[in-house]
N, C-alpha and C. Protein backbone atom coordinates (compact mmCIF):
# COMPACT_ATOMS: atom_id res chain seq x y z
N MET A 1 33.78 30.06 -14.71
CA MET A 1 34.24 30.64 -15.95
C MET A 1 34.40 29.53 -16.99
N VAL A 2 33.85 29.74 -18.17
CA VAL A 2 33.98 28.78 -19.27
C VAL A 2 34.96 29.36 -20.28
N ARG A 3 35.86 28.52 -20.74
CA ARG A 3 36.85 28.93 -21.74
C ARG A 3 37.13 27.78 -22.69
N LYS A 4 37.78 28.09 -23.80
CA LYS A 4 38.16 27.07 -24.78
C LYS A 4 39.22 26.16 -24.14
N ALA A 5 39.12 24.87 -24.37
CA ALA A 5 40.10 23.91 -23.84
C ALA A 5 41.43 24.07 -24.57
N THR A 6 42.52 23.81 -23.85
CA THR A 6 43.86 23.83 -24.43
C THR A 6 44.48 22.44 -24.28
N VAL A 7 45.58 22.22 -24.98
CA VAL A 7 46.29 20.94 -24.89
C VAL A 7 46.72 20.68 -23.45
N GLU A 8 47.04 21.74 -22.72
CA GLU A 8 47.45 21.58 -21.32
C GLU A 8 46.32 21.04 -20.44
N ASP A 9 45.08 21.14 -20.89
CA ASP A 9 43.93 20.62 -20.14
C ASP A 9 43.70 19.13 -20.37
N ALA A 10 44.41 18.52 -21.30
CA ALA A 10 44.09 17.16 -21.75
C ALA A 10 44.02 16.14 -20.63
N GLU A 11 44.99 16.13 -19.73
CA GLU A 11 44.98 15.12 -18.66
C GLU A 11 43.79 15.34 -17.73
N ARG A 12 43.51 16.58 -17.42
CA ARG A 12 42.37 16.87 -16.54
C ARG A 12 41.05 16.50 -17.23
N LEU A 13 40.94 16.78 -18.51
CA LEU A 13 39.75 16.38 -19.27
C LEU A 13 39.56 14.86 -19.21
N ALA A 14 40.66 14.14 -19.36
CA ALA A 14 40.60 12.68 -19.33
C ALA A 14 40.15 12.18 -17.96
N GLU A 15 40.66 12.79 -16.89
CA GLU A 15 40.24 12.39 -15.54
C GLU A 15 38.74 12.60 -15.38
N ILE A 16 38.28 13.77 -15.75
CA ILE A 16 36.85 14.08 -15.61
C ILE A 16 36.01 13.12 -16.44
N HIS A 17 36.45 12.85 -17.66
CA HIS A 17 35.70 11.96 -18.55
C HIS A 17 35.60 10.54 -17.98
N ILE A 18 36.73 9.98 -17.61
CA ILE A 18 36.74 8.60 -17.08
C ILE A 18 36.01 8.51 -15.75
N PHE A 19 36.29 9.43 -14.82
CA PHE A 19 35.62 9.40 -13.52
C PHE A 19 34.12 9.66 -13.69
N GLY A 20 33.79 10.51 -14.65
CA GLY A 20 32.38 10.78 -14.94
C GLY A 20 31.65 9.55 -15.45
N TRP A 21 32.29 8.82 -16.37
CA TRP A 21 31.69 7.57 -16.85
C TRP A 21 31.51 6.59 -15.71
N ARG A 22 32.53 6.43 -14.89
CA ARG A 22 32.44 5.46 -13.79
C ARG A 22 31.34 5.84 -12.81
N ASN A 23 31.18 7.11 -12.56
CA ASN A 23 30.17 7.58 -11.63
C ASN A 23 28.76 7.45 -12.22
N ALA A 24 28.57 7.91 -13.44
CA ALA A 24 27.24 7.95 -14.03
C ALA A 24 26.77 6.61 -14.58
N TYR A 25 27.70 5.79 -15.05
CA TYR A 25 27.30 4.57 -15.78
C TYR A 25 27.51 3.28 -15.00
N ARG A 26 27.92 3.37 -13.75
CA ARG A 26 28.07 2.16 -12.93
C ARG A 26 26.70 1.53 -12.75
N GLY A 27 26.60 0.25 -13.04
CA GLY A 27 25.32 -0.44 -12.99
C GLY A 27 24.61 -0.45 -14.33
N ILE A 28 25.05 0.42 -15.24
CA ILE A 28 24.50 0.44 -16.60
C ILE A 28 25.47 -0.26 -17.54
N LEU A 29 26.75 0.11 -17.43
CA LEU A 29 27.81 -0.54 -18.22
C LEU A 29 28.56 -1.52 -17.32
N ALA A 30 29.14 -2.53 -17.93
CA ALA A 30 29.87 -3.56 -17.18
C ALA A 30 31.06 -2.96 -16.43
N ASP A 31 31.23 -3.37 -15.17
CA ASP A 31 32.36 -2.90 -14.36
C ASP A 31 33.70 -3.21 -15.02
N LYS A 32 33.79 -4.38 -15.63
CA LYS A 32 35.04 -4.75 -16.30
C LYS A 32 35.43 -3.70 -17.34
N PHE A 33 34.46 -3.20 -18.07
CA PHE A 33 34.71 -2.15 -19.06
C PHE A 33 35.08 -0.84 -18.37
N LEU A 34 34.30 -0.42 -17.39
CA LEU A 34 34.52 0.86 -16.73
C LEU A 34 35.85 0.93 -15.98
N PHE A 35 36.25 -0.18 -15.36
CA PHE A 35 37.43 -0.13 -14.50
C PHE A 35 38.67 -0.80 -15.09
N ASP A 36 38.49 -1.69 -16.04
CA ASP A 36 39.66 -2.36 -16.66
C ASP A 36 40.00 -1.80 -18.03
N LYS A 37 39.00 -1.39 -18.78
CA LYS A 37 39.22 -0.96 -20.16
C LYS A 37 39.53 0.54 -20.27
N LEU A 38 38.81 1.35 -19.51
CA LEU A 38 39.00 2.80 -19.60
C LEU A 38 40.26 3.23 -18.85
N ARG A 39 41.11 4.00 -19.50
CA ARG A 39 42.37 4.45 -18.92
C ARG A 39 42.54 5.95 -19.13
N VAL A 40 42.87 6.65 -18.06
CA VAL A 40 43.07 8.09 -18.13
C VAL A 40 44.20 8.43 -19.09
N CYS A 41 45.30 7.70 -19.04
CA CYS A 41 46.46 8.02 -19.89
C CYS A 41 46.10 7.92 -21.38
N ARG A 42 45.34 6.89 -21.76
CA ARG A 42 44.93 6.75 -23.16
C ARG A 42 43.97 7.86 -23.58
N ARG A 43 43.05 8.15 -22.68
CA ARG A 43 42.06 9.21 -22.99
C ARG A 43 42.75 10.57 -23.08
N ALA A 44 43.76 10.81 -22.23
CA ALA A 44 44.50 12.08 -22.26
C ALA A 44 45.19 12.27 -23.61
N GLU A 45 45.78 11.20 -24.13
CA GLU A 45 46.42 11.29 -25.45
C GLU A 45 45.40 11.64 -26.53
N ASN A 46 44.22 11.04 -26.43
CA ASN A 46 43.17 11.35 -27.38
C ASN A 46 42.74 12.81 -27.28
N PHE A 47 42.58 13.31 -26.05
CA PHE A 47 42.20 14.71 -25.88
C PHE A 47 43.27 15.66 -26.41
N LYS A 48 44.55 15.31 -26.23
CA LYS A 48 45.63 16.15 -26.76
C LYS A 48 45.48 16.30 -28.27
N LYS A 49 45.23 15.19 -28.93
CA LYS A 49 45.08 15.20 -30.39
C LYS A 49 43.85 15.99 -30.80
N VAL A 50 42.73 15.75 -30.13
CA VAL A 50 41.48 16.42 -30.45
C VAL A 50 41.62 17.93 -30.33
N VAL A 51 42.25 18.38 -29.25
CA VAL A 51 42.41 19.82 -29.03
C VAL A 51 43.43 20.40 -30.01
N ALA A 52 44.58 19.75 -30.14
CA ALA A 52 45.65 20.27 -31.01
C ALA A 52 45.21 20.38 -32.46
N GLU A 53 44.42 19.40 -32.92
CA GLU A 53 43.99 19.39 -34.32
C GLU A 53 42.63 20.03 -34.54
N GLY A 54 42.00 20.50 -33.46
CA GLY A 54 40.70 21.15 -33.59
C GLY A 54 39.61 20.22 -34.08
N ILE A 55 39.70 18.94 -33.74
CA ILE A 55 38.74 17.93 -34.20
C ILE A 55 37.36 18.16 -33.58
N GLU A 56 37.35 18.58 -32.32
CA GLU A 56 36.09 18.88 -31.63
C GLU A 56 36.17 20.28 -31.05
N GLU A 57 35.02 20.85 -30.82
CA GLU A 57 34.93 22.15 -30.18
C GLU A 57 34.74 21.89 -28.68
N LEU A 58 35.83 21.99 -27.93
CA LEU A 58 35.85 21.66 -26.50
C LEU A 58 36.00 22.91 -25.65
N TYR A 59 35.21 22.96 -24.58
CA TYR A 59 35.28 24.06 -23.62
C TYR A 59 35.36 23.48 -22.22
N VAL A 60 36.03 24.20 -21.32
CA VAL A 60 36.14 23.78 -19.93
C VAL A 60 35.51 24.82 -19.03
N ALA A 61 35.03 24.36 -17.88
CA ALA A 61 34.53 25.26 -16.84
C ALA A 61 35.48 25.16 -15.66
N GLU A 62 35.88 26.30 -15.17
CA GLU A 62 36.75 26.33 -14.00
C GLU A 62 35.94 26.71 -12.77
N LEU A 63 36.30 26.11 -11.66
CA LEU A 63 35.68 26.39 -10.38
C LEU A 63 36.80 26.57 -9.38
N ARG A 64 36.89 27.73 -8.81
CA ARG A 64 37.96 28.04 -7.84
C ARG A 64 39.35 27.72 -8.42
N GLY A 65 39.55 28.05 -9.69
CA GLY A 65 40.84 27.87 -10.34
C GLY A 65 41.17 26.47 -10.81
N VAL A 66 40.20 25.57 -10.72
CA VAL A 66 40.40 24.18 -11.13
C VAL A 66 39.44 23.84 -12.26
N VAL A 67 39.91 23.11 -13.27
CA VAL A 67 39.01 22.64 -14.32
C VAL A 67 38.07 21.62 -13.68
N ALA A 68 36.79 21.96 -13.66
CA ALA A 68 35.80 21.14 -12.96
C ALA A 68 34.89 20.36 -13.90
N GLY A 69 34.83 20.77 -15.16
CA GLY A 69 33.97 20.09 -16.12
C GLY A 69 34.29 20.54 -17.52
N PHE A 70 33.68 19.86 -18.49
CA PHE A 70 33.89 20.22 -19.88
C PHE A 70 32.67 19.88 -20.71
N LEU A 71 32.63 20.48 -21.89
CA LEU A 71 31.61 20.12 -22.85
C LEU A 71 32.20 20.17 -24.25
N SER A 72 31.54 19.45 -25.13
CA SER A 72 31.90 19.42 -26.54
C SER A 72 30.62 19.67 -27.32
N ILE A 73 30.68 20.62 -28.25
CA ILE A 73 29.52 20.95 -29.07
C ILE A 73 29.90 20.90 -30.54
N GLY A 74 28.90 20.78 -31.38
CA GLY A 74 29.19 20.77 -32.81
C GLY A 74 27.95 20.67 -33.66
N GLU A 75 28.19 20.51 -34.92
CA GLU A 75 27.09 20.37 -35.87
C GLU A 75 26.36 19.06 -35.62
N PRO A 76 25.07 19.03 -35.89
CA PRO A 76 24.28 17.82 -35.67
C PRO A 76 24.82 16.64 -36.48
N ARG A 77 24.89 15.49 -35.83
CA ARG A 77 25.35 14.27 -36.50
C ARG A 77 24.18 13.41 -36.95
N ASP A 78 22.98 13.72 -36.47
CA ASP A 78 21.79 12.95 -36.86
C ASP A 78 21.21 13.53 -38.13
N PRO A 79 20.95 12.69 -39.13
CA PRO A 79 20.41 13.20 -40.41
C PRO A 79 19.12 14.01 -40.24
N ASP A 80 18.25 13.58 -39.32
CA ASP A 80 16.98 14.31 -39.16
C ASP A 80 17.14 15.63 -38.42
N LYS A 81 18.32 15.87 -37.85
CA LYS A 81 18.59 17.14 -37.15
C LYS A 81 19.60 18.00 -37.91
N ALA A 82 20.07 17.50 -39.02
CA ALA A 82 21.12 18.20 -39.78
C ALA A 82 20.54 19.37 -40.56
N LYS A 83 20.07 20.33 -39.83
CA LYS A 83 19.56 21.54 -40.46
C LYS A 83 20.23 22.73 -39.80
N ALA A 84 20.15 23.84 -40.41
CA ALA A 84 20.91 25.01 -39.98
C ALA A 84 20.50 25.57 -38.62
N ASP A 85 19.35 25.18 -38.09
CA ASP A 85 18.90 25.82 -36.85
C ASP A 85 19.07 24.94 -35.61
N THR A 86 19.93 23.92 -35.65
CA THR A 86 20.16 23.07 -34.48
C THR A 86 21.64 23.01 -34.14
N LEU A 87 21.93 22.79 -32.86
CA LEU A 87 23.29 22.60 -32.36
C LEU A 87 23.26 21.34 -31.50
N GLU A 88 24.26 20.49 -31.66
CA GLU A 88 24.32 19.27 -30.85
C GLU A 88 25.31 19.44 -29.71
N LEU A 89 24.87 19.06 -28.53
CA LEU A 89 25.74 18.96 -27.37
C LEU A 89 26.30 17.54 -27.41
N TRP A 90 27.55 17.42 -27.84
CA TRP A 90 28.14 16.09 -28.04
C TRP A 90 28.48 15.42 -26.71
N ALA A 91 28.94 16.21 -25.75
CA ALA A 91 29.32 15.63 -24.45
C ALA A 91 29.34 16.73 -23.40
N ILE A 92 29.00 16.36 -22.18
CA ILE A 92 29.13 17.26 -21.03
C ILE A 92 29.42 16.40 -19.81
N TYR A 93 30.48 16.75 -19.11
CA TYR A 93 30.88 15.99 -17.91
C TYR A 93 31.40 16.95 -16.85
N VAL A 94 31.09 16.64 -15.60
CA VAL A 94 31.59 17.37 -14.45
C VAL A 94 32.27 16.37 -13.54
N ASP A 95 33.41 16.75 -12.97
CA ASP A 95 34.10 15.88 -12.03
C ASP A 95 33.11 15.50 -10.93
N PRO A 96 32.91 14.21 -10.68
CA PRO A 96 31.94 13.80 -9.66
C PRO A 96 32.19 14.43 -8.29
N ALA A 97 33.44 14.71 -7.95
CA ALA A 97 33.75 15.34 -6.66
C ALA A 97 33.32 16.80 -6.61
N LEU A 98 33.02 17.40 -7.78
CA LEU A 98 32.65 18.81 -7.84
C LEU A 98 31.23 19.02 -8.34
N MET A 99 30.44 17.96 -8.32
CA MET A 99 29.05 18.07 -8.75
C MET A 99 28.24 18.84 -7.71
N ARG A 100 27.12 19.34 -8.14
CA ARG A 100 26.18 20.08 -7.30
C ARG A 100 26.72 21.45 -6.87
N GLU A 101 27.60 22.00 -7.71
CA GLU A 101 28.15 23.34 -7.44
C GLU A 101 27.85 24.30 -8.59
N GLY A 102 26.97 23.90 -9.50
CA GLY A 102 26.56 24.78 -10.58
C GLY A 102 27.38 24.69 -11.85
N VAL A 103 28.38 23.81 -11.87
CA VAL A 103 29.26 23.70 -13.04
C VAL A 103 28.49 23.18 -14.25
N GLY A 104 27.70 22.13 -14.06
CA GLY A 104 26.93 21.57 -15.16
C GLY A 104 25.94 22.58 -15.73
N ALA A 105 25.27 23.31 -14.85
CA ALA A 105 24.32 24.33 -15.30
C ALA A 105 25.04 25.43 -16.07
N GLU A 106 26.23 25.81 -15.60
CA GLU A 106 27.00 26.84 -16.29
C GLU A 106 27.40 26.36 -17.69
N LEU A 107 27.85 25.13 -17.79
CA LEU A 107 28.23 24.58 -19.09
C LEU A 107 27.02 24.48 -20.03
N LEU A 108 25.90 24.02 -19.51
CA LEU A 108 24.70 23.90 -20.33
C LEU A 108 24.24 25.28 -20.81
N GLY A 109 24.29 26.26 -19.92
CA GLY A 109 23.94 27.62 -20.30
C GLY A 109 24.86 28.17 -21.37
N PHE A 110 26.16 27.85 -21.25
CA PHE A 110 27.14 28.26 -22.25
C PHE A 110 26.80 27.64 -23.61
N CYS A 111 26.46 26.37 -23.60
CA CYS A 111 26.09 25.67 -24.84
C CYS A 111 24.90 26.36 -25.50
N GLU A 112 23.88 26.65 -24.72
CA GLU A 112 22.70 27.30 -25.27
C GLU A 112 23.04 28.69 -25.81
N GLN A 113 23.90 29.41 -25.10
CA GLN A 113 24.33 30.74 -25.55
C GLN A 113 25.07 30.63 -26.88
N GLN A 114 25.92 29.61 -27.00
CA GLN A 114 26.61 29.39 -28.27
C GLN A 114 25.62 29.11 -29.39
N GLY A 115 24.57 28.36 -29.07
CA GLY A 115 23.53 28.11 -30.06
C GLY A 115 22.89 29.40 -30.53
N LEU A 116 22.56 30.27 -29.59
CA LEU A 116 21.94 31.54 -29.94
C LEU A 116 22.88 32.42 -30.76
N ILE A 117 24.15 32.48 -30.37
CA ILE A 117 25.14 33.27 -31.10
C ILE A 117 25.23 32.79 -32.56
N ARG A 118 25.06 31.51 -32.76
CA ARG A 118 25.16 30.91 -34.10
C ARG A 118 23.83 30.90 -34.85
N GLY A 119 22.82 31.50 -34.25
CA GLY A 119 21.52 31.58 -34.90
C GLY A 119 20.72 30.29 -34.85
N ARG A 120 20.99 29.44 -33.88
CA ARG A 120 20.27 28.17 -33.76
C ARG A 120 19.01 28.35 -32.92
N LYS A 121 18.05 27.48 -33.15
CA LYS A 121 16.79 27.54 -32.41
C LYS A 121 16.58 26.35 -31.49
N GLU A 122 17.51 25.37 -31.59
CA GLU A 122 17.35 24.15 -30.79
C GLU A 122 18.72 23.58 -30.44
N VAL A 123 18.79 23.00 -29.24
CA VAL A 123 19.96 22.23 -28.82
C VAL A 123 19.45 20.82 -28.53
N PHE A 124 20.21 19.82 -28.97
CA PHE A 124 19.83 18.45 -28.63
C PHE A 124 21.06 17.66 -28.20
N LEU A 125 20.81 16.52 -27.56
CA LEU A 125 21.87 15.68 -27.01
C LEU A 125 21.35 14.26 -26.88
N TRP A 126 22.28 13.35 -26.69
CA TRP A 126 21.94 11.95 -26.42
C TRP A 126 22.37 11.62 -25.00
N VAL A 127 21.55 10.86 -24.29
CA VAL A 127 21.85 10.45 -22.91
C VAL A 127 21.46 8.98 -22.76
N LEU A 128 22.27 8.24 -22.00
CA LEU A 128 21.93 6.83 -21.80
C LEU A 128 20.55 6.72 -21.15
N GLU A 129 19.77 5.83 -21.67
CA GLU A 129 18.38 5.67 -21.22
C GLU A 129 18.28 5.40 -19.72
N ASP A 130 19.21 4.64 -19.18
CA ASP A 130 19.17 4.30 -17.76
C ASP A 130 19.95 5.26 -16.87
N ASN A 131 20.45 6.34 -17.42
CA ASN A 131 21.19 7.34 -16.66
C ASN A 131 20.19 8.30 -16.00
N VAL A 132 19.69 7.90 -14.87
CA VAL A 132 18.65 8.66 -14.17
C VAL A 132 19.16 10.04 -13.76
N ILE A 133 20.39 10.11 -13.28
CA ILE A 133 20.95 11.40 -12.85
C ILE A 133 21.04 12.37 -14.04
N GLY A 134 21.58 11.89 -15.14
CA GLY A 134 21.70 12.74 -16.33
C GLY A 134 20.35 13.19 -16.85
N ARG A 135 19.42 12.26 -16.95
CA ARG A 135 18.10 12.60 -17.47
C ARG A 135 17.38 13.60 -16.58
N SER A 136 17.55 13.46 -15.27
CA SER A 136 16.94 14.42 -14.33
C SER A 136 17.55 15.80 -14.50
N PHE A 137 18.87 15.85 -14.69
CA PHE A 137 19.57 17.12 -14.90
C PHE A 137 19.03 17.83 -16.14
N TYR A 138 18.93 17.10 -17.24
CA TYR A 138 18.45 17.71 -18.47
C TYR A 138 16.99 18.16 -18.34
N LYS A 139 16.17 17.34 -17.70
CA LYS A 139 14.77 17.71 -17.50
C LYS A 139 14.66 18.99 -16.68
N LYS A 140 15.47 19.09 -15.63
CA LYS A 140 15.48 20.28 -14.77
C LYS A 140 15.78 21.54 -15.58
N HIS A 141 16.58 21.39 -16.64
CA HIS A 141 16.99 22.54 -17.45
C HIS A 141 16.17 22.68 -18.74
N GLY A 142 15.01 22.02 -18.78
CA GLY A 142 14.08 22.25 -19.88
C GLY A 142 14.21 21.33 -21.08
N TYR A 143 15.06 20.33 -21.01
CA TYR A 143 15.21 19.38 -22.12
C TYR A 143 14.20 18.27 -21.95
N ARG A 144 13.70 17.77 -23.09
CA ARG A 144 12.69 16.72 -23.08
C ARG A 144 13.04 15.67 -24.12
N PRO A 145 12.68 14.39 -23.87
CA PRO A 145 12.88 13.37 -24.90
C PRO A 145 12.07 13.73 -26.14
N ASP A 146 12.67 13.53 -27.32
CA ASP A 146 11.95 13.86 -28.55
C ASP A 146 11.50 12.63 -29.32
N GLY A 147 11.62 11.46 -28.68
CA GLY A 147 11.14 10.23 -29.30
C GLY A 147 12.20 9.37 -29.96
N ALA A 148 13.39 9.92 -30.19
CA ALA A 148 14.46 9.14 -30.83
C ALA A 148 15.16 8.27 -29.79
N ARG A 149 15.50 7.07 -30.20
CA ARG A 149 16.18 6.10 -29.32
C ARG A 149 17.07 5.24 -30.18
N LYS A 150 18.23 4.85 -29.64
CA LYS A 150 19.09 3.92 -30.37
C LYS A 150 19.81 3.01 -29.38
N VAL A 151 20.06 1.79 -29.82
CA VAL A 151 20.79 0.81 -29.02
C VAL A 151 22.27 0.92 -29.38
N LEU A 152 23.11 0.91 -28.33
CA LEU A 152 24.56 1.02 -28.53
C LEU A 152 25.19 -0.35 -28.32
N GLU A 153 25.32 -1.08 -29.38
CA GLU A 153 25.82 -2.45 -29.30
C GLU A 153 27.30 -2.51 -28.91
N ARG A 154 28.04 -1.42 -29.14
CA ARG A 154 29.48 -1.42 -28.86
C ARG A 154 29.79 -1.32 -27.36
N LEU A 155 28.81 -0.94 -26.55
CA LEU A 155 29.04 -0.79 -25.11
C LEU A 155 28.51 -2.01 -24.36
N PRO A 156 29.35 -2.59 -23.50
CA PRO A 156 28.94 -3.79 -22.75
C PRO A 156 28.01 -3.45 -21.58
N SER A 157 26.87 -4.07 -21.56
CA SER A 157 25.87 -3.83 -20.53
C SER A 157 26.26 -4.51 -19.21
N ALA A 158 25.82 -3.91 -18.11
CA ALA A 158 26.01 -4.52 -16.79
C ALA A 158 24.97 -5.60 -16.55
N SER A 159 23.96 -5.67 -17.42
CA SER A 159 22.90 -6.67 -17.28
C SER A 159 22.64 -7.27 -18.66
N ALA A 160 21.60 -8.05 -18.75
CA ALA A 160 21.24 -8.64 -20.04
C ALA A 160 20.53 -7.62 -20.92
N LYS A 161 20.12 -6.51 -20.33
CA LYS A 161 19.41 -5.46 -21.07
C LYS A 161 20.40 -4.70 -21.96
N PRO A 162 20.06 -4.47 -23.23
CA PRO A 162 20.98 -3.71 -24.09
C PRO A 162 21.09 -2.26 -23.63
N VAL A 163 22.26 -1.66 -23.89
CA VAL A 163 22.50 -0.26 -23.55
C VAL A 163 21.88 0.59 -24.66
N ALA A 164 21.05 1.53 -24.25
CA ALA A 164 20.38 2.40 -25.23
C ALA A 164 20.52 3.86 -24.82
N GLU A 165 20.41 4.72 -25.83
CA GLU A 165 20.40 6.16 -25.62
C GLU A 165 19.06 6.71 -26.08
N VAL A 166 18.66 7.81 -25.44
CA VAL A 166 17.49 8.55 -25.87
C VAL A 166 17.93 9.98 -26.17
N ARG A 167 17.25 10.58 -27.12
CA ARG A 167 17.62 11.94 -27.51
C ARG A 167 16.72 12.95 -26.80
N TYR A 168 17.34 13.97 -26.27
CA TYR A 168 16.64 15.07 -25.62
C TYR A 168 16.88 16.33 -26.43
N SER A 169 15.90 17.21 -26.46
CA SER A 169 16.09 18.48 -27.17
C SER A 169 15.37 19.59 -26.42
N LYS A 170 15.79 20.81 -26.77
CA LYS A 170 15.21 22.00 -26.15
C LYS A 170 15.23 23.13 -27.17
N ALA A 171 14.09 23.80 -27.29
CA ALA A 171 14.04 25.00 -28.12
C ALA A 171 14.70 26.12 -27.32
N ILE A 172 15.55 26.88 -27.99
CA ILE A 172 16.20 28.00 -27.31
C ILE A 172 15.80 29.29 -28.02
N ALA A 173 15.72 30.33 -27.27
CA ALA A 173 15.38 31.63 -27.84
C ALA A 173 16.04 32.70 -27.00
N ALA A 174 16.40 33.77 -27.64
CA ALA A 174 17.01 34.88 -26.92
C ALA A 174 16.00 35.43 -25.92
N SER A 175 16.48 35.77 -24.75
CA SER A 175 15.61 36.37 -23.74
C SER A 175 15.11 37.71 -24.25
N PRO A 176 13.85 37.99 -24.00
CA PRO A 176 13.35 39.28 -24.46
C PRO A 176 14.07 40.41 -23.73
N VAL A 177 14.22 41.52 -24.40
CA VAL A 177 14.87 42.67 -23.80
C VAL A 177 13.93 43.23 -22.74
N PRO A 178 14.42 43.41 -21.51
CA PRO A 178 13.53 43.94 -20.47
C PRO A 178 13.14 45.38 -20.79
N PRO A 179 11.94 45.76 -20.40
CA PRO A 179 11.51 47.14 -20.69
C PRO A 179 12.37 48.14 -19.93
N LEU A 180 12.53 49.29 -20.53
CA LEU A 180 13.28 50.35 -19.87
C LEU A 180 12.48 50.90 -18.70
N VAL A 181 13.15 51.11 -17.61
CA VAL A 181 12.49 51.67 -16.42
C VAL A 181 13.12 53.02 -16.16
N TYR A 182 12.29 54.03 -16.06
CA TYR A 182 12.79 55.38 -15.80
C TYR A 182 12.47 55.76 -14.36
N PHE A 183 13.43 56.40 -13.71
CA PHE A 183 13.22 56.84 -12.33
C PHE A 183 13.14 58.33 -12.28
């Protein structure tokens, strides 16, 4: 079940976000950053503010009564995508302990449904270039790189290679209405 995030979800959102970064970005980002710099308590305070003030459009997915993942969606932040028919998936994370149970697919489907409800024809997102798990997930669900790439100088690399993101996008369309079947 996907629902709008509440302030009461803030600590759980922070856990999922930090544990998600550590799981997905280990070997891409420096361990010192992932394990010494990132703090659940600081991130929880940020989520409380974001939810309370409506700064981001945040949704959570529950699995067996537990918040298992979240996503954030909004208007496109890229100038070349800032048109009325696109929706940006700002973030999507699933608790690493609850991965492979359909939560990510449910959240992604919810995002696409929100795009359709809003009259959008495309959803796009940014993913770390070296995030093989994330890129495979998006590919499995029909997203493809669209050629855009950017280097993230603010994030410390685990190697000498700079940290970069690539943009993925997917055209979305309402499913055709199935034909009526008479018995």
